[in-house]
Amino acid sequence: DGEVHINELKNGNTETFWNPTSEVRRQRLKRHIVLFEEQTDFESERLWQHVTSAINKGDQHKATQEKFVLEEEQRNAARERRESGTEWKPLLFRHDAGTNEWRYKYEDLRPWDPLNDIAQFEKDGILQTMERHLSTRMSNHKATCINNQITRHKRSAKDCRRRKTSDQPSNHSQNTESSCSTPESVQELSDDDGKYLGFESLCAQCGKEMDHLKEIHSAVLSLQKAQQDIHR
């Protein structure tokens, strides 16, 4: 937040390298952090709180002491697990035997899609991306529901025509009423208001998914506006 200067030792000249103006500060992205009271014991801000406090107060001796206490606790915990044969299973990381490195389990390496991706956020240590479009799973499930209803509709029409033919007496008028009426042709599908014309209403799972997506859409309107402001 402050100015950065380059001091030339040979001639004693000072040059301004960086000066964050009010315009620069105003355009900075807002920092989002998990509330301290909602953090778990092993999250950095809570775990290192005493070290951080000592550094902010300029007490280097106290900061070193607190750091030593933390590291000693970790060593003792590792020793106890080793003696008891307890395997340490990381919650968010996995070991890559090929590179002998630890990798984040939920890393997302795909390019950011500004037309579809709304925001990226972390929940319980898991990195997630909120998208603008319906999920593929929802679309596939909706298509399955439609196909199943079309199949039932066609089967009903076929059975009805078969019964109508068998019920008609020979040498009599073809106006005899059948046991059922022939279903009308399949109407054009529309998902306005979450309904399909010519079919039953959405199944329970589809209905829940639609309600959930509506809630998400309502909740992210402010995020969309913020993203547009950032792009500008």
Protein backbone atom coordinates (compact mmCIF):
# COMPACT_ATOMS: atom_id res chain seq x y z
CA ASP A 1 0.00 0.00 0.00
CA GLY A 2 2.99 2.30 0.36
CA GLU A 3 5.59 3.72 -1.97
CA VAL A 4 8.57 1.62 -3.02
CA HIS A 5 11.89 3.35 -3.72
CA ILE A 6 15.13 2.28 -5.37
CA ASN A 7 18.18 3.62 -3.55
CA GLU A 8 21.32 3.87 -5.67
CA LEU A 9 24.23 3.18 -3.29
CA LYS A 10 26.92 4.51 -5.63
CA ASN A 11 25.59 8.04 -5.97
CA GLY A 12 22.95 8.14 -3.23
CA ASN A 13 20.08 8.91 -5.65
CA THR A 14 16.58 7.71 -4.84
CA GLU A 15 14.04 6.76 -7.50
CA THR A 16 10.35 6.01 -7.00
CA PHE A 17 9.70 2.47 -8.23
CA TRP A 18 6.04 2.07 -7.20
CA ASN A 19 3.43 4.50 -5.97
CA PRO A 20 -0.07 3.05 -5.45
CA THR A 21 -2.43 5.91 -6.27
CA SER A 22 -5.98 6.16 -4.97
CA GLU A 23 -7.17 4.91 -8.39
CA VAL A 24 -5.00 1.80 -8.05
CA ARG A 25 -6.29 1.11 -4.54
CA ARG A 26 -9.89 1.56 -5.68
CA GLN A 27 -9.49 -1.09 -8.41
CA ARG A 28 -8.02 -3.74 -6.14
CA LEU A 29 -9.98 -6.98 -5.82
CA LYS A 30 -11.82 -7.45 -2.56
CA ARG A 31 -10.22 -10.03 -0.32
CA HIS A 32 -12.51 -12.81 0.88
CA ILE A 33 -11.51 -14.91 3.89
CA VAL A 34 -13.25 -17.46 6.08
CA LEU A 35 -14.44 -15.94 9.35
CA PHE A 36 -11.98 -16.67 12.14
CA GLU A 37 -14.61 -18.33 14.34
CA GLU A 38 -15.56 -20.67 11.47
CA GLN A 39 -12.01 -21.86 10.81
CA THR A 40 -10.80 -25.27 11.93
CA ASP A 41 -7.84 -25.68 14.28
CA PHE A 42 -5.41 -26.47 11.47
CA GLU A 43 -6.21 -23.54 9.18
CA SER A 44 -3.26 -21.19 8.89
CA GLU A 45 -4.80 -18.02 10.32
CA ARG A 46 -5.99 -19.81 13.46
CA LEU A 47 -2.96 -22.09 13.79
CA TRP A 48 -0.42 -19.24 13.53
CA GLN A 49 -2.47 -16.58 15.33
CA HIS A 50 -0.01 -16.17 18.24
CA VAL A 51 2.99 -15.96 15.91
CA THR A 52 1.18 -13.38 13.76
CA SER A 53 0.20 -11.33 16.79
CA ALA A 54 3.79 -11.22 18.04
CA ILE A 55 5.09 -10.18 14.60
CA ASN A 56 2.51 -7.38 14.37
CA LYS A 57 3.65 -6.14 17.77
CA GLY A 58 7.29 -6.24 16.68
CA ASP A 59 8.17 -8.87 19.32
CA GLN A 60 10.55 -11.11 17.40
CA HIS A 61 11.50 -13.11 20.51
CA LYS A 62 7.85 -13.96 21.29
CA ALA A 63 7.18 -14.85 17.63
CA THR A 64 10.13 -17.25 17.61
CA GLN A 65 8.93 -18.89 20.83
CA GLU A 66 5.39 -19.40 19.50
CA LYS A 67 6.75 -20.81 16.26
CA PHE A 68 8.90 -23.29 18.20
CA VAL A 69 5.86 -24.41 20.27
CA LEU A 70 3.84 -25.10 17.11
CA GLU A 71 6.61 -27.04 15.39
CA GLU A 72 7.31 -29.09 18.51
CA GLU A 73 3.64 -30.05 18.78
CA GLN A 74 3.70 -31.21 15.18
CA ARG A 75 6.85 -33.28 15.76
CA ASN A 76 5.32 -34.94 18.85
CA ALA A 77 2.10 -35.73 16.97
CA ALA A 78 4.10 -37.31 14.12
CA ARG A 79 6.13 -39.34 16.61
CA GLU A 80 2.99 -40.65 18.32
CA ARG A 81 1.46 -41.69 15.01
CA ARG A 82 4.66 -43.45 14.02
CA GLU A 83 4.84 -45.35 17.32
CA SER A 84 1.17 -46.39 17.17
CA GLY A 85 1.33 -47.31 13.49
CA THR A 86 -1.36 -44.76 12.59
CA GLU A 87 -1.31 -43.69 8.94
CA TRP A 88 -1.65 -39.99 8.27
CA LYS A 89 -4.29 -39.41 5.60
CA PRO A 90 -4.31 -35.85 4.23
CA LEU A 91 -7.76 -34.43 3.64
CA LEU A 92 -6.97 -32.18 0.67
CA PHE A 93 -3.69 -33.49 -0.76
CA ARG A 94 -2.40 -36.67 -2.38
CA HIS A 95 1.14 -37.91 -2.85
CA ASP A 96 2.41 -38.21 -6.42
CA ALA A 97 4.82 -41.14 -6.41
CA GLY A 98 6.16 -40.21 -9.85
CA THR A 99 7.36 -36.74 -8.87
CA ASN A 100 7.53 -37.41 -5.11
CA GLU A 101 5.42 -34.29 -4.54
CA TRP A 102 2.15 -33.53 -2.79
CA ARG A 103 -0.66 -32.40 -5.10
CA TYR A 104 -3.92 -30.68 -4.25
CA LYS A 105 -6.76 -33.17 -4.84
CA TYR A 106 -9.24 -30.65 -6.25
CA GLU A 107 -6.97 -28.57 -8.51
CA ASP A 108 -8.77 -27.08 -11.51
CA LEU A 109 -6.36 -26.56 -14.41
CA ARG A 110 -8.87 -25.78 -17.16
CA PRO A 111 -8.83 -22.24 -18.63
CA TRP A 112 -11.26 -19.73 -17.17
CA ASP A 113 -14.35 -19.33 -19.37
CA PRO A 114 -15.60 -15.74 -18.99
CA LEU A 115 -18.83 -16.57 -20.84
CA ASN A 116 -19.84 -19.44 -18.56
CA ASP A 117 -17.82 -19.22 -15.32
CA ILE A 118 -19.24 -16.79 -12.78
CA ALA A 119 -17.01 -17.15 -9.73
CA GLN A 120 -14.47 -19.46 -8.17
CA PHE A 121 -14.68 -20.06 -4.46
CA GLU A 122 -13.42 -22.35 -1.72
CA LYS A 123 -15.69 -24.31 0.59
CA ASP A 124 -14.27 -26.58 3.29
CA GLY A 125 -10.92 -26.52 1.51
CA ILE A 126 -12.41 -27.64 -1.82
CA LEU A 127 -12.00 -25.30 -4.79
CA GLN A 128 -15.21 -24.97 -6.80
CA THR A 129 -16.40 -22.98 -9.82
CA MET A 130 -19.91 -21.57 -10.09
CA GLU A 131 -21.12 -21.79 -13.70
CA ARG A 132 -23.78 -19.86 -15.58
CA HIS A 133 -25.29 -22.76 -17.57
CA LEU A 134 -27.28 -25.79 -16.40
CA SER A 135 -25.17 -28.72 -15.35
CA THR A 136 -24.67 -31.60 -17.79
CA ARG A 137 -26.10 -34.00 -15.22
CA MET A 138 -29.30 -31.98 -15.02
CA SER A 139 -29.62 -31.80 -18.80
CA ASN A 140 -29.03 -35.54 -19.20
CA HIS A 141 -31.59 -36.37 -16.52
CA LYS A 142 -34.16 -34.06 -18.12
CA ALA A 143 -33.60 -35.71 -21.51
CA THR A 144 -34.03 -39.16 -19.95
CA CYS A 145 -37.35 -38.10 -18.39
CA ILE A 146 -38.61 -36.79 -21.75
CA ASN A 147 -37.57 -39.96 -23.60
CA ASN A 148 -39.26 -42.16 -21.01
CA GLN A 149 -42.50 -40.20 -21.29
CA ILE A 150 -42.40 -40.33 -25.12
CA THR A 151 -41.94 -44.11 -24.95
CA ARG A 152 -44.88 -44.52 -22.58
CA HIS A 153 -47.00 -42.22 -24.76
CA LYS A 154 -46.27 -44.21 -27.95
CA ARG A 155 -46.83 -47.56 -26.21
CA SER A 156 -50.20 -46.33 -24.93
CA ALA A 157 -51.23 -45.25 -28.43
CA LYS A 158 -50.18 -48.60 -29.93
CA ASP A 159 -52.06 -50.65 -27.34
CA CYS A 160 -55.15 -48.49 -27.75
CA ARG A 161 -55.21 -48.93 -31.53
CA ARG A 162 -54.82 -52.72 -31.12
CA ARG A 163 -57.77 -52.90 -28.71
CA LYS A 164 -59.88 -50.67 -30.96
CA THR A 165 -59.29 -52.95 -33.96
CA SER A 166 -60.06 -56.15 -32.04
CA ASP A 167 -63.25 -54.71 -30.50
CA GLN A 168 -64.80 -53.76 -33.84
CA PRO A 169 -67.40 -56.44 -35.01
CA SER A 170 -67.26 -57.64 -38.60
CA ASN A 171 -69.80 -56.33 -41.15
CA HIS A 172 -70.79 -53.58 -38.77
CA SER A 173 -70.26 -49.86 -38.81
CA GLN A 174 -66.78 -48.62 -38.02
CA ASN A 175 -68.28 -46.04 -35.65
CA THR A 176 -68.31 -48.41 -32.67
CA GLU A 177 -66.65 -46.70 -29.72
CA SER A 178 -63.45 -48.31 -28.53
CA SER A 179 -62.41 -48.84 -24.95
CA CYS A 180 -60.13 -45.84 -25.16
CA SER A 181 -59.46 -42.89 -27.38
CA THR A 182 -56.36 -42.65 -29.52
CA PRO A 183 -53.86 -40.29 -27.89
CA GLU A 184 -53.22 -37.11 -29.74
CA SER A 185 -49.91 -36.57 -31.49
CA VAL A 186 -46.97 -35.53 -29.41
CA GLN A 187 -46.93 -31.80 -28.98
CA GLU A 188 -43.90 -29.60 -29.26
CA LEU A 189 -41.79 -29.69 -26.08
CA SER A 190 -41.34 -26.58 -24.03
CA ASP A 191 -39.74 -26.11 -20.66
CA ASP A 192 -41.39 -22.78 -19.89
CA ASP A 193 -42.11 -22.61 -16.18
CA GLY A 194 -40.44 -26.00 -15.82
CA LYS A 195 -43.27 -27.89 -17.66
CA TYR A 196 -43.39 -29.97 -20.83
CA LEU A 197 -46.50 -29.53 -22.97
CA GLY A 198 -48.19 -32.82 -23.80
CA PHE A 199 -46.48 -34.72 -20.95
CA GLU A 200 -46.63 -35.20 -17.25
CA SER A 201 -45.09 -32.62 -14.95
CA LEU A 202 -41.42 -32.92 -14.04
CA CYS A 203 -40.37 -35.85 -11.89
CA ALA A 204 -39.51 -35.12 -8.26
CA GLN A 205 -35.75 -34.99 -8.87
CA CYS A 206 -36.11 -32.62 -11.84
CA GLY A 207 -38.38 -30.38 -9.80
CA LYS A 208 -35.88 -30.20 -6.95
CA GLU A 209 -33.03 -29.52 -9.38
CA MET A 210 -34.96 -26.69 -11.03
CA ASP A 211 -35.82 -25.10 -7.68
CA HIS A 212 -32.18 -25.39 -6.60
CA LEU A 213 -30.93 -23.81 -9.83
CA LYS A 214 -33.40 -20.94 -9.45
CA GLU A 215 -32.04 -20.27 -5.96
CA ILE A 216 -28.47 -20.32 -7.26
CA HIS A 217 -29.35 -17.98 -10.10
CA SER A 218 -30.94 -15.52 -7.70
CA ALA A 219 -27.98 -15.69 -5.34
CA VAL A 220 -25.30 -15.01 -7.98
CA LEU A 221 -26.81 -11.92 -9.58
CA SER A 222 -24.66 -9.71 -7.38
CA LEU A 223 -21.59 -11.76 -8.29
CA GLN A 224 -22.33 -11.29 -11.98
CA LYS A 225 -22.54 -7.54 -11.53
CA ALA A 226 -19.28 -7.52 -9.61
CA GLN A 227 -17.57 -9.55 -12.33
CA GLN A 228 -18.80 -7.12 -15.00
CA ASP A 229 -17.41 -4.22 -12.97
CA ILE A 230 -14.06 -6.01 -12.70
CA HIS A 231 -13.94 -6.64 -16.47
CA ARG A 232 -14.64 -2.95 -17.11
